N, C-alpha and C. Protein backbone atom coordinates (compact mmCIF):
# COMPACT_ATOMS: atom_id res chain seq x y z
N MET A 1 -22.61 -23.23 0.34
CA MET A 1 -23.68 -23.75 1.33
C MET A 1 -24.07 -22.42 1.95
N CYS A 2 -25.41 -22.81 2.82
CA CYS A 2 -26.15 -21.56 3.38
C CYS A 2 -25.33 -21.46 4.80
N PRO A 3 -25.06 -20.30 5.27
CA PRO A 3 -24.79 -20.14 6.50
C PRO A 3 -25.61 -20.54 7.35
N GLY A 4 -25.10 -21.07 8.60
CA GLY A 4 -26.22 -21.41 9.66
C GLY A 4 -26.75 -22.99 9.56
N LEU A 5 -26.61 -23.71 8.36
CA LEU A 5 -26.93 -24.52 8.29
C LEU A 5 -26.30 -25.83 8.02
N ASP A 6 -26.82 -27.22 8.14
CA ASP A 6 -25.79 -28.26 8.21
C ASP A 6 -24.68 -28.18 6.70
N SER A 7 -23.57 -28.54 7.06
CA SER A 7 -22.83 -28.82 5.99
C SER A 7 -23.05 -29.24 4.55
N SER A 8 -23.97 -30.16 4.95
CA SER A 8 -24.51 -31.24 3.85
C SER A 8 -25.73 -30.93 2.79
N VAL A 9 -26.11 -29.58 3.46
CA VAL A 9 -27.34 -29.15 2.73
C VAL A 9 -26.77 -27.55 1.77
N GLU A 10 -27.11 -27.40 0.74
CA GLU A 10 -26.98 -26.44 0.20
C GLU A 10 -28.22 -25.40 -0.51
N CYS A 11 -28.02 -24.64 -0.61
CA CYS A 11 -29.07 -23.41 -0.62
C CYS A 11 -29.03 -22.86 -2.16
N SER A 12 -30.70 -22.74 -2.76
CA SER A 12 -30.94 -21.71 -3.53
C SER A 12 -31.13 -20.13 -3.20
N HIS A 13 -31.89 -19.29 -4.09
CA HIS A 13 -31.89 -17.93 -3.05
C HIS A 13 -33.06 -17.90 -2.08
N PHE A 14 -34.02 -19.03 -2.38
CA PHE A 14 -34.98 -19.10 -1.26
C PHE A 14 -35.19 -20.21 -0.59
N VAL A 15 -34.60 -21.28 -1.06
CA VAL A 15 -35.20 -22.52 -0.38
C VAL A 15 -33.95 -23.47 -0.43
N PRO A 16 -33.41 -24.27 1.01
CA PRO A 16 -32.52 -25.18 1.03
C PRO A 16 -32.58 -26.45 -0.08
N MET A 17 -31.83 -26.67 -0.80
CA MET A 17 -32.06 -28.07 -1.28
C MET A 17 -31.10 -29.14 -0.98
N ALA A 18 -31.07 -30.12 -0.89
CA ALA A 18 -30.46 -31.43 -0.33
C ALA A 18 -29.42 -31.44 -1.36
N SER A 19 -28.04 -32.33 -1.43
CA SER A 19 -27.34 -32.68 -1.82
C SER A 19 -27.50 -33.64 -3.37
N PRO A 20 -27.04 -34.29 -4.18
CA PRO A 20 -27.15 -35.04 -5.16
C PRO A 20 -27.87 -36.26 -4.33
N PRO A 21 -28.96 -36.57 -5.15
CA PRO A 21 -29.27 -36.43 -6.35
C PRO A 21 -29.97 -35.37 -6.89
N PHE A 22 -30.52 -34.37 -5.76
CA PHE A 22 -31.59 -33.63 -6.10
C PHE A 22 -30.90 -32.34 -6.47
N GLU A 23 -29.76 -32.45 -6.48
CA GLU A 23 -29.02 -30.89 -6.65
C GLU A 23 -29.19 -30.66 -8.24
N GLU A 24 -28.92 -31.66 -9.30
CA GLU A 24 -29.18 -31.45 -10.22
C GLU A 24 -30.69 -30.91 -10.99
N ASP A 25 -31.65 -31.38 -10.42
CA ASP A 25 -32.81 -31.09 -10.38
C ASP A 25 -33.23 -29.67 -10.07
N GLY A 26 -32.57 -29.10 -9.19
CA GLY A 26 -32.68 -27.68 -8.55
C GLY A 26 -31.45 -26.88 -9.22
N GLN A 27 -30.57 -27.35 -10.14
CA GLN A 27 -29.90 -26.63 -10.99
C GLN A 27 -30.95 -26.25 -12.42
N LEU A 28 -30.99 -27.19 -12.73
CA LEU A 28 -32.49 -27.23 -13.98
C LEU A 28 -33.47 -26.28 -13.92
N HIS A 29 -34.38 -26.64 -12.58
CA HIS A 29 -35.32 -25.54 -12.36
C HIS A 29 -34.75 -24.42 -12.10
N THR A 30 -33.63 -24.01 -11.94
CA THR A 30 -33.34 -22.44 -11.42
C THR A 30 -32.65 -22.15 -12.96
N LEU A 31 -32.12 -22.83 -13.64
CA LEU A 31 -31.75 -22.53 -14.92
C LEU A 31 -33.04 -22.09 -16.03
N GLY A 32 -34.18 -22.98 -15.73
CA GLY A 32 -35.53 -23.14 -16.00
C GLY A 32 -36.16 -21.37 -15.65
N LEU A 33 -36.04 -20.94 -14.41
CA LEU A 33 -36.41 -19.69 -14.18
C LEU A 33 -35.93 -18.83 -15.11
N ILE A 34 -34.56 -18.89 -14.74
CA ILE A 34 -33.42 -17.81 -15.62
C ILE A 34 -34.03 -17.43 -16.89
N GLU A 35 -33.96 -18.82 -17.52
CA GLU A 35 -34.36 -18.62 -19.17
C GLU A 35 -36.14 -17.89 -18.98
N GLU A 36 -36.96 -17.98 -18.30
CA GLU A 36 -38.34 -17.44 -18.26
C GLU A 36 -38.10 -15.93 -18.01
N LEU A 37 -37.24 -15.64 -17.02
CA LEU A 37 -36.99 -14.20 -16.44
C LEU A 37 -36.48 -13.09 -17.84
N ARG A 38 -35.31 -14.31 -18.47
CA ARG A 38 -34.90 -13.43 -19.59
C ARG A 38 -35.87 -13.47 -20.93
N SER A 39 -36.49 -14.34 -21.05
CA SER A 39 -37.67 -14.31 -22.00
C SER A 39 -38.69 -13.06 -22.02
N GLU A 40 -39.52 -12.85 -20.31
CA GLU A 40 -40.16 -11.94 -20.33
C GLU A 40 -39.96 -10.64 -20.32
N CYS A 41 -38.16 -10.42 -20.12
CA CYS A 41 -37.49 -9.18 -19.95
C CYS A 41 -37.42 -8.99 -21.42
N LYS A 42 -36.95 -9.92 -22.23
CA LYS A 42 -36.71 -9.27 -24.47
C LYS A 42 -38.39 -8.96 -24.49
N ARG A 43 -39.51 -9.33 -24.20
CA ARG A 43 -40.39 -9.32 -24.38
C ARG A 43 -40.84 -8.11 -23.92
N MET A 44 -40.71 -7.68 -22.87
CA MET A 44 -41.32 -6.46 -22.21
C MET A 44 -39.94 -5.20 -22.75
N TRP A 45 -39.31 -5.15 -23.26
CA TRP A 45 -38.02 -4.37 -23.89
C TRP A 45 -38.50 -4.24 -25.18
N GLY A 46 -39.08 -5.18 -25.97
CA GLY A 46 -39.52 -5.09 -27.10
C GLY A 46 -40.78 -4.19 -27.44
N THR A 47 -42.15 -4.72 -26.48
CA THR A 47 -42.93 -3.77 -25.93
C THR A 47 -42.52 -2.41 -25.83
N SER A 48 -41.76 -2.28 -24.95
CA SER A 48 -41.54 -0.70 -24.77
C SER A 48 -41.21 0.56 -25.98
N SER A 49 -40.19 -0.99 -26.01
CA SER A 49 -39.74 -0.16 -27.56
C SER A 49 -40.61 0.40 -28.73
N GLU A 50 -41.56 -0.55 -29.30
CA GLU A 50 -42.57 -0.03 -30.14
C GLU A 50 -43.46 0.71 -29.62
N LEU A 51 -44.06 1.05 -27.99
CA LEU A 51 -44.39 2.28 -27.78
C LEU A 51 -43.79 3.32 -27.76
N TYR A 52 -42.58 3.59 -27.52
CA TYR A 52 -41.45 4.23 -27.45
C TYR A 52 -41.84 5.06 -28.74
N PHE A 53 -41.39 4.17 -29.87
CA PHE A 53 -41.43 4.59 -31.48
C PHE A 53 -42.99 5.23 -31.75
N ARG A 54 -43.69 4.44 -31.45
CA ARG A 54 -45.38 4.99 -31.79
C ARG A 54 -45.52 6.03 -31.16
N ILE A 55 -45.24 6.50 -30.08
CA ILE A 55 -45.46 7.79 -28.92
C ILE A 55 -44.71 8.67 -29.84
N ASP A 56 -43.76 8.56 -30.38
CA ASP A 56 -42.56 9.40 -30.59
C ASP A 56 -43.53 9.88 -31.82
N GLU A 57 -43.39 8.96 -32.89
CA GLU A 57 -44.14 9.34 -34.28
C GLU A 57 -45.53 10.48 -34.26
N LEU A 58 -46.39 9.79 -33.23
CA LEU A 58 -47.71 10.63 -32.76
C LEU A 58 -47.21 11.90 -32.52
N LEU A 59 -46.57 12.09 -31.81
CA LEU A 59 -45.90 13.56 -31.08
C LEU A 59 -45.52 14.30 -32.19
N ARG A 60 -44.92 13.74 -33.29
CA ARG A 60 -44.11 14.48 -34.25
C ARG A 60 -45.25 14.77 -35.15
N GLU A 61 -46.15 13.96 -35.48
CA GLU A 61 -47.33 14.44 -35.99
C GLU A 61 -48.30 15.39 -35.66
N LEU A 62 -48.37 15.45 -34.25
CA LEU A 62 -49.03 16.89 -33.87
C LEU A 62 -48.31 18.04 -33.75
N ALA A 63 -46.57 18.01 -34.02
CA ALA A 63 -46.03 19.33 -33.89
C ALA A 63 -46.18 19.87 -35.42
N ASN A 64 -46.36 18.99 -36.36
CA ASN A 64 -46.54 19.43 -37.64
C ASN A 64 -47.41 20.88 -37.47
N PRO A 65 -46.58 21.66 -38.20
CA PRO A 65 -47.68 23.14 -38.42
C PRO A 65 -48.52 23.40 -39.33
N ASN A 66 -48.40 21.98 -40.27
CA ASN A 66 -49.96 21.73 -41.28
C ASN A 66 -50.84 20.97 -40.38
N LEU A 67 -50.96 20.67 -39.50
CA LEU A 67 -51.86 19.99 -38.72
C LEU A 67 -52.88 21.21 -38.63
N HIS A 68 -54.41 20.31 -38.67
CA HIS A 68 -55.65 20.83 -39.19
C HIS A 68 -55.86 21.53 -37.44
N GLU A 69 -56.35 22.56 -37.44
CA GLU A 69 -56.85 23.08 -36.19
C GLU A 69 -58.35 22.67 -36.15
N ILE A 70 -58.55 22.57 -34.61
CA ILE A 70 -59.66 21.64 -34.18
C ILE A 70 -60.71 23.40 -33.73
N SER A 71 -61.91 23.19 -34.38
CA SER A 71 -62.60 24.53 -33.86
C SER A 71 -63.25 24.24 -32.38
N ARG A 72 -63.34 25.17 -31.57
CA ARG A 72 -63.53 24.89 -30.07
C ARG A 72 -65.33 25.00 -30.19
C-alpha cells in the first residue's frame, strides 16, 4: 500500500496501480523491467571484463623489456 493513498490502491515504485485485474499486468511489467535490467547489467559486466583483460594484456606487452624502442 502507498502511504497517503486510498487503501484500495497499491503502487509500484513510481506509479500507483489499481487493484485486480490490473495488478497482475503491473507485476508482469515490473518483472519484465527487472529482467531487462538484469540482462543489461550482465552485458555491461561482460563488456567491462573483456576490456579489462584486453587492456591488461596490452600493458603487459608494453612492459616487455624486449619491446623495440621508438626513435624520437
